[in-house]
């Protein structure tokens, strides 16, 4: 949605500067295969059957974990599900994780600081998950682990799905940055050790 908006702005500016026909020629010369693919994958990932299947699997794993089930479910939602970004695209992994965690982790009763930390961890882990295969997004590969927050912090799927759990239904950029600093540092340290 965000990219579509900016594409419309680009074409409008091109039409104003170079004429409507040149803007249309440019827009029609682009290949829209990847954006269409990502859109379809996100729609499928947000479908009830997929969400129920992934959530049921995570709940089953949480029940056998050696820690309390709600804590295990939260941990799995912030670690395992984002790593699916290598298999199903980063936006789809974010969509699934956000929809799974929204009722518990991002509920209005949870402290704002905790929600920002969880959101930062989710963004960083989705970025890391997306770099585990050769299909990673080029900006993430170029930026490296230390800058994954820049590549995915404004992730529109995560922000749109989780904003209801924050005060005034808004997620501040500063809070996202601060929330992602510790997970990014831990991820960078892990990659340096390995």
N, C-alpha and C. Protein backbone atom coordinates (compact mmCIF):
# COMPACT_ATOMS: atom_id res chain seq x y z
N UNK A 1 0.82 -1.18 0.00
CA UNK A 1 0.00 0.00 0.00
C UNK A 1 0.87 1.26 0.00
N UNK A 2 1.87 1.28 0.87
CA UNK A 2 2.74 2.44 0.95
C UNK A 2 3.49 2.63 -0.37
N UNK A 3 3.98 1.51 -0.92
CA UNK A 3 4.73 1.61 -2.17
C UNK A 3 3.81 2.04 -3.31
N UNK A 4 2.58 1.56 -3.31
CA UNK A 4 1.62 1.97 -4.32
C UNK A 4 1.35 3.47 -4.26
N UNK A 5 1.22 4.00 -3.04
CA UNK A 5 1.00 5.43 -2.87
C UNK A 5 2.15 6.23 -3.48
N UNK A 6 3.40 5.83 -3.15
CA UNK A 6 4.55 6.57 -3.66
C UNK A 6 4.72 6.38 -5.17
N UNK A 7 4.29 5.24 -5.69
CA UNK A 7 4.33 5.05 -7.14
C UNK A 7 3.37 6.03 -7.82
N UNK A 8 2.20 6.23 -7.22
CA UNK A 8 1.24 7.19 -7.76
C UNK A 8 1.81 8.60 -7.72
N UNK A 9 2.46 8.94 -6.62
CA UNK A 9 3.09 10.27 -6.50
C UNK A 9 4.17 10.43 -7.57
N UNK A 10 4.99 9.39 -7.77
CA UNK A 10 6.05 9.45 -8.79
C UNK A 10 5.46 9.68 -10.18
N UNK A 11 4.45 8.91 -10.53
CA UNK A 11 3.83 9.05 -11.86
C UNK A 11 3.18 10.42 -12.00
N UNK A 12 2.57 10.93 -10.96
CA UNK A 12 1.95 12.27 -11.02
C UNK A 12 3.00 13.34 -11.24
N UNK A 13 4.13 13.25 -10.55
CA UNK A 13 5.20 14.23 -10.73
C UNK A 13 5.78 14.12 -12.14
N UNK A 14 5.97 12.88 -12.60
CA UNK A 14 6.49 12.69 -13.95
C UNK A 14 5.52 13.27 -14.99
N UNK A 15 4.21 13.09 -14.77
CA UNK A 15 3.22 13.64 -15.69
C UNK A 15 3.25 15.16 -15.68
N UNK A 16 3.43 15.75 -14.50
CA UNK A 16 3.47 17.21 -14.41
C UNK A 16 4.71 17.77 -15.09
N UNK A 17 5.83 17.05 -15.01
CA UNK A 17 7.08 17.57 -15.58
C UNK A 17 7.30 17.19 -17.04
N UNK A 18 6.94 15.95 -17.40
CA UNK A 18 7.27 15.49 -18.75
C UNK A 18 6.07 15.18 -19.62
N UNK A 19 4.89 15.36 -19.09
CA UNK A 19 3.70 15.07 -19.86
C UNK A 19 3.07 13.74 -19.45
N UNK A 20 1.78 13.67 -19.66
CA UNK A 20 1.02 12.48 -19.26
C UNK A 20 1.47 11.25 -20.03
N UNK A 21 1.70 11.39 -21.32
CA UNK A 21 2.06 10.22 -22.14
C UNK A 21 3.38 9.61 -21.70
N UNK A 22 4.38 10.44 -21.41
CA UNK A 22 5.68 9.90 -20.98
C UNK A 22 5.56 9.21 -19.62
N UNK A 23 4.73 9.74 -18.73
CA UNK A 23 4.52 9.11 -17.43
C UNK A 23 3.82 7.77 -17.59
N UNK A 24 2.82 7.71 -18.47
CA UNK A 24 2.12 6.44 -18.73
C UNK A 24 3.04 5.42 -19.38
N UNK A 25 3.86 5.88 -20.32
CA UNK A 25 4.82 4.97 -20.97
C UNK A 25 5.78 4.38 -19.94
N UNK A 26 6.26 5.23 -19.04
CA UNK A 26 7.15 4.74 -17.99
C UNK A 26 6.44 3.72 -17.10
N UNK A 27 5.24 4.05 -16.64
CA UNK A 27 4.50 3.14 -15.74
C UNK A 27 4.21 1.81 -16.42
N UNK A 28 3.89 1.84 -17.70
CA UNK A 28 3.59 0.61 -18.42
C UNK A 28 4.84 -0.19 -18.76
N UNK A 29 6.01 0.41 -18.70
CA UNK A 29 7.25 -0.31 -19.01
C UNK A 29 7.81 -1.08 -17.81
N UNK A 30 7.26 -0.85 -16.64
CA UNK A 30 7.75 -1.51 -15.42
C UNK A 30 7.23 -2.94 -15.32
N UNK A 31 7.99 -3.78 -14.63
CA UNK A 31 7.59 -5.16 -14.37
C UNK A 31 7.01 -5.24 -12.96
N UNK A 32 5.76 -5.64 -12.85
CA UNK A 32 5.07 -5.66 -11.56
C UNK A 32 4.92 -7.07 -10.99
N UNK A 33 5.73 -8.00 -11.47
CA UNK A 33 5.62 -9.40 -11.02
C UNK A 33 5.90 -9.53 -9.53
N UNK A 34 7.00 -8.96 -9.05
CA UNK A 34 7.35 -9.11 -7.63
C UNK A 34 6.35 -8.45 -6.70
N UNK A 35 5.92 -7.20 -6.95
CA UNK A 35 4.91 -6.62 -6.06
C UNK A 35 3.61 -7.43 -6.03
N UNK A 36 3.20 -7.95 -7.18
CA UNK A 36 2.00 -8.78 -7.21
C UNK A 36 2.19 -10.05 -6.39
N UNK A 37 3.37 -10.66 -6.52
CA UNK A 37 3.67 -11.86 -5.77
C UNK A 37 3.62 -11.59 -4.27
N UNK A 38 4.27 -10.52 -3.82
CA UNK A 38 4.28 -10.18 -2.40
C UNK A 38 2.86 -9.91 -1.91
N UNK A 39 2.06 -9.23 -2.69
CA UNK A 39 0.67 -8.96 -2.31
C UNK A 39 -0.10 -10.26 -2.13
N UNK A 40 0.02 -11.16 -3.08
CA UNK A 40 -0.70 -12.44 -3.00
C UNK A 40 -0.22 -13.24 -1.78
N UNK A 41 1.08 -13.29 -1.55
CA UNK A 41 1.61 -14.04 -0.41
C UNK A 41 1.11 -13.43 0.90
N UNK A 42 1.06 -12.10 0.99
CA UNK A 42 0.57 -11.46 2.23
C UNK A 42 -0.91 -11.74 2.45
N UNK A 43 -1.70 -11.74 1.38
CA UNK A 43 -3.13 -12.04 1.51
C UNK A 43 -3.31 -13.47 1.99
N UNK A 44 -2.56 -14.39 1.41
CA UNK A 44 -2.65 -15.79 1.83
C UNK A 44 -2.17 -15.95 3.26
N UNK A 45 -1.07 -15.28 3.62
CA UNK A 45 -0.53 -15.39 4.98
C UNK A 45 -1.50 -14.85 6.01
N UNK A 46 -2.29 -13.85 5.65
CA UNK A 46 -3.24 -13.26 6.60
C UNK A 46 -4.56 -14.01 6.62
N UNK A 47 -4.68 -15.06 5.82
CA UNK A 47 -5.94 -15.81 5.80
C UNK A 47 -6.10 -16.62 7.08
N UNK A 48 -7.33 -16.86 7.44
CA UNK A 48 -7.62 -17.57 8.68
C UNK A 48 -7.00 -18.97 8.73
N UNK A 49 -7.08 -19.79 7.66
CA UNK A 49 -6.49 -21.13 7.74
C UNK A 49 -4.98 -21.12 8.02
N UNK A 50 -4.27 -20.21 7.35
CA UNK A 50 -2.83 -20.14 7.58
C UNK A 50 -2.53 -19.67 8.99
N UNK A 51 -3.23 -18.63 9.42
CA UNK A 51 -3.01 -18.10 10.77
C UNK A 51 -3.33 -19.14 11.84
N UNK A 52 -4.43 -19.86 11.68
CA UNK A 52 -4.80 -20.89 12.64
C UNK A 52 -3.77 -22.02 12.64
N UNK A 53 -3.30 -22.43 11.47
CA UNK A 53 -2.30 -23.50 11.38
C UNK A 53 -1.00 -23.11 12.07
N UNK A 54 -0.50 -21.93 11.77
CA UNK A 54 0.76 -21.48 12.38
C UNK A 54 0.58 -21.27 13.88
N UNK A 55 -0.51 -20.65 14.27
CA UNK A 55 -0.78 -20.42 15.69
C UNK A 55 -0.92 -21.73 16.45
N UNK A 56 -1.60 -22.71 15.86
CA UNK A 56 -1.74 -24.02 16.51
C UNK A 56 -0.39 -24.70 16.67
N UNK A 57 0.44 -24.62 15.64
CA UNK A 57 1.78 -25.19 15.72
C UNK A 57 2.62 -24.53 16.80
N UNK A 58 2.53 -23.20 16.88
CA UNK A 58 3.29 -22.48 17.90
C UNK A 58 2.77 -22.80 19.31
N UNK A 59 1.45 -22.94 19.45
CA UNK A 59 0.89 -23.30 20.76
C UNK A 59 1.32 -24.69 21.17
N UNK A 60 1.36 -25.63 20.22
CA UNK A 60 1.82 -26.99 20.52
C UNK A 60 3.27 -26.97 20.97
N UNK A 61 4.11 -26.21 20.28
CA UNK A 61 5.51 -26.09 20.69
C UNK A 61 5.63 -25.41 22.05
N UNK A 62 4.79 -24.41 22.29
CA UNK A 62 4.84 -23.69 23.57
C UNK A 62 4.47 -24.60 24.73
N UNK A 63 3.55 -25.54 24.50
CA UNK A 63 3.14 -26.46 25.58
C UNK A 63 4.26 -27.40 26.00
N UNK A 64 5.15 -27.75 25.09
CA UNK A 64 6.24 -28.68 25.43
C UNK A 64 7.50 -27.95 25.86
N UNK A 65 7.51 -26.65 25.78
CA UNK A 65 8.68 -25.86 26.19
C UNK A 65 8.83 -25.93 27.71
N UNK A 66 10.07 -25.83 28.18
CA UNK A 66 10.30 -25.93 29.63
C UNK A 66 10.00 -24.65 30.41
N UNK A 67 9.28 -23.72 29.80
CA UNK A 67 8.89 -22.48 30.48
C UNK A 67 7.38 -22.34 30.39
N UNK A 68 6.81 -21.35 31.06
CA UNK A 68 5.37 -21.16 31.04
C UNK A 68 4.88 -20.99 29.60
N UNK A 69 3.73 -21.56 29.30
CA UNK A 69 3.19 -21.58 27.93
C UNK A 69 3.01 -20.18 27.34
N UNK A 70 2.42 -19.19 28.05
CA UNK A 70 2.29 -17.86 27.44
C UNK A 70 3.63 -17.23 27.08
N UNK A 71 4.62 -17.42 27.95
CA UNK A 71 5.95 -16.87 27.68
C UNK A 71 6.58 -17.58 26.49
N UNK A 72 6.43 -18.88 26.43
CA UNK A 72 6.98 -19.65 25.31
C UNK A 72 6.30 -19.24 24.00
N UNK A 73 4.98 -19.04 24.03
CA UNK A 73 4.25 -18.63 22.82
C UNK A 73 4.75 -17.26 22.35
N UNK A 74 4.96 -16.35 23.27
CA UNK A 74 5.48 -15.02 22.93
C UNK A 74 6.87 -15.15 22.32
N UNK A 75 7.73 -15.93 22.95
CA UNK A 75 9.10 -16.11 22.45
C UNK A 75 9.09 -16.72 21.06
N UNK A 76 8.26 -17.74 20.85
CA UNK A 76 8.18 -18.37 19.53
C UNK A 76 7.66 -17.38 18.48
N UNK A 77 6.68 -16.57 18.88
CA UNK A 77 6.14 -15.57 17.96
C UNK A 77 7.16 -14.50 17.58
N UNK A 78 8.09 -14.22 18.49
CA UNK A 78 9.10 -13.20 18.22
C UNK A 78 10.38 -13.77 17.61
N UNK A 79 10.53 -15.09 17.62
CA UNK A 79 11.77 -15.67 17.11
C UNK A 79 11.54 -16.63 15.95
N UNK A 80 10.73 -17.64 16.15
CA UNK A 80 10.57 -18.67 15.12
C UNK A 80 9.75 -18.15 13.93
N UNK A 81 8.62 -17.52 14.21
CA UNK A 81 7.75 -17.05 13.12
C UNK A 81 8.48 -16.02 12.24
N UNK A 82 9.20 -15.04 12.79
CA UNK A 82 9.92 -14.11 11.91
C UNK A 82 10.97 -14.79 11.03
N UNK A 83 11.52 -15.89 11.50
CA UNK A 83 12.51 -16.59 10.69
C UNK A 83 11.88 -17.24 9.45
N UNK A 84 10.55 -17.35 9.44
CA UNK A 84 9.87 -17.87 8.27
C UNK A 84 10.01 -16.92 7.08
N UNK A 85 10.51 -15.72 7.34
CA UNK A 85 10.71 -14.75 6.26
C UNK A 85 11.57 -15.30 5.15
N UNK A 86 12.46 -16.25 5.45
CA UNK A 86 13.28 -16.87 4.42
C UNK A 86 12.45 -17.75 3.50
N UNK A 87 11.36 -18.27 4.01
CA UNK A 87 10.55 -19.20 3.22
C UNK A 87 9.34 -18.55 2.57
N UNK A 88 8.74 -17.57 3.23
CA UNK A 88 7.47 -17.03 2.75
C UNK A 88 7.48 -15.53 2.52
N UNK A 89 8.58 -14.91 2.46
CA UNK A 89 8.81 -13.47 2.32
C UNK A 89 8.67 -12.76 3.67
N UNK A 90 9.43 -11.71 3.81
CA UNK A 90 9.43 -10.95 5.06
C UNK A 90 8.06 -10.33 5.38
N UNK A 91 7.38 -9.70 4.43
CA UNK A 91 6.07 -9.12 4.77
C UNK A 91 5.07 -10.18 5.25
N UNK A 92 5.11 -11.37 4.65
CA UNK A 92 4.19 -12.42 5.08
C UNK A 92 4.53 -12.90 6.49
N UNK A 93 5.82 -13.04 6.79
CA UNK A 93 6.22 -13.44 8.15
C UNK A 93 5.81 -12.38 9.16
N UNK A 94 5.96 -11.11 8.80
CA UNK A 94 5.54 -10.02 9.69
C UNK A 94 4.04 -10.05 9.90
N UNK A 95 3.30 -10.29 8.84
CA UNK A 95 1.84 -10.35 8.94
C UNK A 95 1.40 -11.45 9.89
N UNK A 96 1.96 -12.64 9.72
CA UNK A 96 1.59 -13.77 10.58
C UNK A 96 1.98 -13.50 12.02
N UNK A 97 3.21 -13.04 12.25
CA UNK A 97 3.68 -12.78 13.61
C UNK A 97 2.85 -11.69 14.27
N UNK A 98 2.57 -10.62 13.54
CA UNK A 98 1.79 -9.52 14.12
C UNK A 98 0.38 -9.96 14.47
N UNK A 99 -0.25 -10.73 13.59
CA UNK A 99 -1.61 -11.19 13.88
C UNK A 99 -1.64 -12.17 15.05
N UNK A 100 -0.59 -12.99 15.18
CA UNK A 100 -0.53 -13.93 16.31
C UNK A 100 -0.30 -13.23 17.64
N UNK A 101 0.57 -12.23 17.64
CA UNK A 101 0.99 -11.59 18.88
C UNK A 101 0.10 -10.42 19.29
N UNK A 102 -0.67 -9.87 18.38
CA UNK A 102 -1.48 -8.68 18.67
C UNK A 102 -2.39 -8.84 19.88
N UNK A 103 -3.12 -9.95 20.03
CA UNK A 103 -4.04 -10.04 21.18
C UNK A 103 -3.35 -10.12 22.54
N UNK A 104 -2.12 -10.59 22.58
CA UNK A 104 -1.46 -10.76 23.88
C UNK A 104 -0.36 -9.73 24.12
N UNK A 105 0.65 -9.75 23.27
CA UNK A 105 1.82 -8.89 23.48
C UNK A 105 1.50 -7.42 23.23
N UNK A 106 0.64 -7.13 22.25
CA UNK A 106 0.36 -5.76 21.88
C UNK A 106 -1.02 -5.30 22.33
N UNK A 107 -1.48 -5.86 23.43
CA UNK A 107 -2.78 -5.45 23.98
C UNK A 107 -2.61 -4.14 24.77
N UNK A 108 -3.68 -3.40 24.97
CA UNK A 108 -3.58 -2.13 25.69
C UNK A 108 -3.09 -2.24 27.13
N UNK A 109 -3.19 -3.42 27.75
CA UNK A 109 -2.76 -3.56 29.15
C UNK A 109 -1.25 -3.71 29.30
N UNK A 110 -0.53 -3.96 28.20
CA UNK A 110 0.92 -4.12 28.25
C UNK A 110 1.57 -2.74 28.21
N UNK A 111 2.62 -2.55 28.99
CA UNK A 111 3.32 -1.27 29.06
C UNK A 111 3.87 -0.86 27.69
N UNK A 112 3.82 0.43 27.39
CA UNK A 112 4.29 0.95 26.09
C UNK A 112 5.75 0.57 25.83
N UNK A 113 6.61 0.68 26.85
CA UNK A 113 8.02 0.36 26.67
C UNK A 113 8.19 -1.09 26.25
N UNK A 114 7.43 -1.97 26.86
CA UNK A 114 7.50 -3.39 26.53
C UNK A 114 7.05 -3.62 25.09
N UNK A 115 5.99 -2.95 24.68
CA UNK A 115 5.50 -3.12 23.31
C UNK A 115 6.53 -2.63 22.29
N UNK A 116 7.18 -1.51 22.57
CA UNK A 116 8.20 -1.02 21.65
C UNK A 116 9.38 -1.98 21.57
N UNK A 117 9.78 -2.55 22.71
CA UNK A 117 10.87 -3.52 22.69
C UNK A 117 10.47 -4.73 21.86
N UNK A 118 9.25 -5.23 22.07
CA UNK A 118 8.77 -6.39 21.32
C UNK A 118 8.68 -6.07 19.83
N UNK A 119 8.19 -4.88 19.49
CA UNK A 119 8.09 -4.47 18.09
C UNK A 119 9.47 -4.40 17.45
N UNK A 120 10.44 -3.83 18.18
CA UNK A 120 11.81 -3.77 17.67
C UNK A 120 12.38 -5.16 17.44
N UNK A 121 12.16 -6.05 18.40
CA UNK A 121 12.66 -7.42 18.25
C UNK A 121 12.00 -8.10 17.04
N UNK A 122 10.72 -7.86 16.87
CA UNK A 122 10.00 -8.46 15.75
C UNK A 122 10.55 -7.96 14.42
N UNK A 123 10.75 -6.64 14.29
CA UNK A 123 11.29 -6.09 13.04
C UNK A 123 12.69 -6.64 12.75
N UNK A 124 13.55 -6.65 13.75
CA UNK A 124 14.91 -7.13 13.55
C UNK A 124 14.92 -8.60 13.18
N UNK A 125 14.12 -9.40 13.89
CA UNK A 125 14.11 -10.83 13.61
C UNK A 125 13.52 -11.14 12.24
N UNK A 126 12.53 -10.38 11.79
CA UNK A 126 12.00 -10.58 10.45
C UNK A 126 13.08 -10.25 9.42
N UNK A 127 13.85 -9.21 9.67
CA UNK A 127 14.94 -8.86 8.75
C UNK A 127 15.99 -9.95 8.71
N UNK A 128 16.34 -10.48 9.86
CA UNK A 128 17.32 -11.56 9.90
C UNK A 128 16.77 -12.79 9.19
N UNK A 129 15.50 -13.10 9.47
CA UNK A 129 14.88 -14.24 8.80
C UNK A 129 14.89 -14.10 7.29
N UNK A 130 14.73 -12.89 6.82
CA UNK A 130 14.73 -12.66 5.38
C UNK A 130 16.09 -12.78 4.73
N UNK A 131 17.16 -12.76 5.51
CA UNK A 131 18.50 -12.84 4.95
C UNK A 131 19.07 -14.24 4.98
N UNK A 132 18.31 -15.22 5.45
CA UNK A 132 18.84 -16.57 5.59
C UNK A 132 18.87 -17.35 4.29
N UNK A 133 18.25 -16.84 3.25
CA UNK A 133 18.29 -17.51 1.95
C UNK A 133 18.75 -16.52 0.89
N UNK A 134 18.90 -17.03 -0.31
CA UNK A 134 19.32 -16.18 -1.43
C UNK A 134 18.20 -15.27 -1.91
N UNK A 135 17.01 -15.41 -1.35
CA UNK A 135 15.87 -14.61 -1.79
C UNK A 135 15.67 -13.36 -0.94
N UNK A 136 16.66 -12.99 -0.14
CA UNK A 136 16.52 -11.84 0.74
C UNK A 136 16.36 -10.55 -0.05
N UNK A 137 15.70 -9.60 0.59
CA UNK A 137 15.51 -8.30 -0.05
C UNK A 137 16.87 -7.61 -0.19
N UNK A 138 17.18 -7.05 -1.37
CA UNK A 138 18.48 -6.40 -1.57
C UNK A 138 18.81 -5.33 -0.54
N UNK A 139 17.86 -4.45 -0.09
CA UNK A 139 18.24 -3.44 0.90
C UNK A 139 18.72 -4.06 2.20
N UNK A 140 18.13 -5.19 2.59
CA UNK A 140 18.55 -5.85 3.83
C UNK A 140 19.94 -6.41 3.65
N UNK A 141 20.22 -7.03 2.51
CA UNK A 141 21.54 -7.59 2.28
C UNK A 141 22.61 -6.50 2.23
N UNK A 142 22.28 -5.37 1.61
CA UNK A 142 23.26 -4.29 1.51
C UNK A 142 23.47 -3.61 2.86
N UNK A 143 22.41 -3.46 3.62
CA UNK A 143 22.52 -2.75 4.88
C UNK A 143 23.23 -3.57 5.93
N UNK A 144 23.05 -4.86 5.92
CA UNK A 144 23.68 -5.71 6.92
C UNK A 144 22.85 -5.72 8.19
N UNK A 145 23.25 -6.58 9.10
CA UNK A 145 22.48 -6.77 10.33
C UNK A 145 22.39 -5.50 11.16
N UNK A 146 23.46 -4.74 11.24
CA UNK A 146 23.45 -3.54 12.07
C UNK A 146 22.43 -2.51 11.64
N UNK A 147 22.01 -2.55 10.40
CA UNK A 147 21.07 -1.56 9.91
C UNK A 147 19.71 -2.15 9.54
N UNK A 148 19.42 -3.35 10.03
CA UNK A 148 18.14 -3.96 9.69
C UNK A 148 16.98 -3.11 10.16
N UNK A 149 17.17 -2.37 11.23
CA UNK A 149 16.09 -1.52 11.71
C UNK A 149 15.73 -0.46 10.68
N UNK A 150 16.71 0.02 9.92
CA UNK A 150 16.44 1.01 8.89
C UNK A 150 15.68 0.36 7.73
N UNK A 151 16.04 -0.88 7.42
CA UNK A 151 15.39 -1.56 6.30
C UNK A 151 13.94 -1.91 6.59
N UNK A 152 13.61 -2.26 7.83
CA UNK A 152 12.27 -2.76 8.11
C UNK A 152 11.52 -2.03 9.21
N UNK A 153 12.11 -1.05 9.86
CA UNK A 153 11.39 -0.38 10.95
C UNK A 153 10.08 0.23 10.49
N UNK A 154 10.01 0.82 9.31
CA UNK A 154 8.72 1.37 8.91
C UNK A 154 7.84 0.33 8.22
N UNK A 155 8.09 -0.95 8.48
CA UNK A 155 7.34 -2.03 7.84
C UNK A 155 5.85 -1.76 7.94
N UNK A 156 5.20 -1.48 6.82
CA UNK A 156 3.79 -1.09 6.87
C UNK A 156 2.87 -2.18 7.39
N UNK A 157 3.21 -3.44 7.12
CA UNK A 157 2.34 -4.53 7.60
C UNK A 157 2.34 -4.57 9.11
N UNK A 158 3.53 -4.52 9.71
CA UNK A 158 3.62 -4.58 11.16
C UNK A 158 2.98 -3.39 11.84
N UNK A 159 3.24 -2.21 11.32
CA UNK A 159 2.68 -1.00 11.92
C UNK A 159 1.16 -0.99 11.81
N UNK A 160 0.65 -1.33 10.63
CA UNK A 160 -0.80 -1.31 10.44
C UNK A 160 -1.52 -2.31 11.34
N UNK A 161 -0.91 -3.48 11.52
CA UNK A 161 -1.57 -4.53 12.30
C UNK A 161 -1.46 -4.31 13.80
N UNK A 162 -0.40 -3.65 14.24
CA UNK A 162 -0.14 -3.56 15.67
C UNK A 162 -0.44 -2.21 16.29
N UNK A 163 -0.72 -1.19 15.50
CA UNK A 163 -0.88 0.16 16.05
C UNK A 163 -2.04 0.28 17.03
N UNK A 164 -3.05 -0.59 16.92
CA UNK A 164 -4.20 -0.50 17.84
C UNK A 164 -3.80 -0.77 19.29
N UNK A 165 -2.69 -1.47 19.50
CA UNK A 165 -2.28 -1.77 20.86
C UNK A 165 -1.50 -0.66 21.54
N UNK A 166 -1.17 0.40 20.81
CA UNK A 166 -0.38 1.50 21.36
C UNK A 166 -1.28 2.68 21.71
N UNK A 167 -0.80 3.51 22.60
CA UNK A 167 -1.55 4.70 23.01
C UNK A 167 -1.82 5.56 21.78
N UNK A 168 -3.01 6.08 21.68
CA UNK A 168 -3.44 6.93 20.56
C UNK A 168 -3.33 6.24 19.21
N UNK A 169 -3.22 4.93 19.20
CA UNK A 169 -3.10 4.14 17.97
C UNK A 169 -2.01 4.67 17.04
N UNK A 170 -0.89 5.08 17.62
CA UNK A 170 0.23 5.53 16.80
C UNK A 170 1.51 4.90 17.33
N UNK A 171 2.41 4.59 16.42
CA UNK A 171 3.69 4.00 16.78
C UNK A 171 4.76 4.98 16.38
N UNK A 172 5.45 5.55 17.36
CA UNK A 172 6.45 6.56 17.09
C UNK A 172 7.74 5.99 16.53
N UNK A 173 8.37 6.74 15.63
CA UNK A 173 9.63 6.30 15.02
C UNK A 173 10.73 6.17 16.06
N UNK A 174 10.78 7.09 17.01
CA UNK A 174 11.80 7.02 18.05
C UNK A 174 11.65 5.78 18.92
N UNK A 175 10.42 5.45 19.24
CA UNK A 175 10.18 4.24 20.02
C UNK A 175 10.57 2.99 19.25
N UNK A 176 10.30 2.97 17.95
CA UNK A 176 10.71 1.83 17.12
C UNK A 176 12.22 1.70 17.10
N UNK A 177 12.90 2.84 16.94
CA UNK A 177 14.35 2.81 16.90
C UNK A 177 14.92 2.30 18.22
N UNK A 178 14.45 2.87 19.33
CA UNK A 178 14.94 2.43 20.64
C UNK A 178 14.60 0.97 20.90
N UNK A 179 13.42 0.55 20.48
CA UNK A 179 13.03 -0.83 20.68
C UNK A 179 13.87 -1.80 19.87
N UNK A 180 14.40 -1.36 18.75
CA UNK A 180 15.18 -2.24 17.89
C UNK A 180 16.68 -2.23 18.20
N UNK A 181 17.14 -1.29 19.01
CA UNK A 181 18.58 -1.19 19.26
C UNK A 181 19.14 -2.43 19.95
N UNK A 182 18.53 -2.86 21.04
CA UNK A 182 19.04 -4.03 21.75
C UNK A 182 18.97 -5.29 20.90
N UNK A 183 17.83 -5.62 20.27
CA UNK A 183 17.82 -6.81 19.42
C UNK A 183 18.83 -6.75 18.28
N UNK A 184 19.03 -5.55 17.72
CA UNK A 184 20.01 -5.41 16.65
C UNK A 184 21.41 -5.66 17.18
N UNK A 185 21.73 -5.14 18.35
CA UNK A 185 23.04 -5.35 18.96
C UNK A 185 23.26 -6.84 19.26
N UNK A 186 22.24 -7.50 19.78
CA UNK A 186 22.36 -8.94 20.07
C UNK A 186 22.57 -9.72 18.78
N UNK A 187 21.80 -9.37 17.74
CA UNK A 187 21.94 -10.07 16.46
C UNK A 187 23.34 -9.83 15.87
N UNK A 188 23.81 -8.60 15.93
CA UNK A 188 25.13 -8.30 15.40
C UNK A 188 26.21 -9.06 16.17
N UNK A 189 26.08 -9.11 17.49
CA UNK A 189 27.05 -9.86 18.30
C UNK A 189 27.01 -11.34 17.95
N UNK A 190 25.82 -11.87 17.74
CA UNK A 190 25.69 -13.29 17.39
C UNK A 190 26.38 -13.58 16.06
N UNK A 191 26.22 -12.68 15.08
CA UNK A 191 26.87 -12.90 13.79
C UNK A 191 28.38 -12.74 13.88
N UNK A 192 28.84 -11.87 14.78
CA UNK A 192 30.28 -11.70 14.94
C UNK A 192 30.91 -12.93 15.60
N UNK A 193 30.18 -13.55 16.51
CA UNK A 193 30.70 -14.74 17.21
C UNK A 193 30.71 -15.94 16.27
N UNK A 194 29.67 -16.06 15.46
CA UNK A 194 29.57 -17.22 14.56
C UNK A 194 30.43 -16.96 13.38
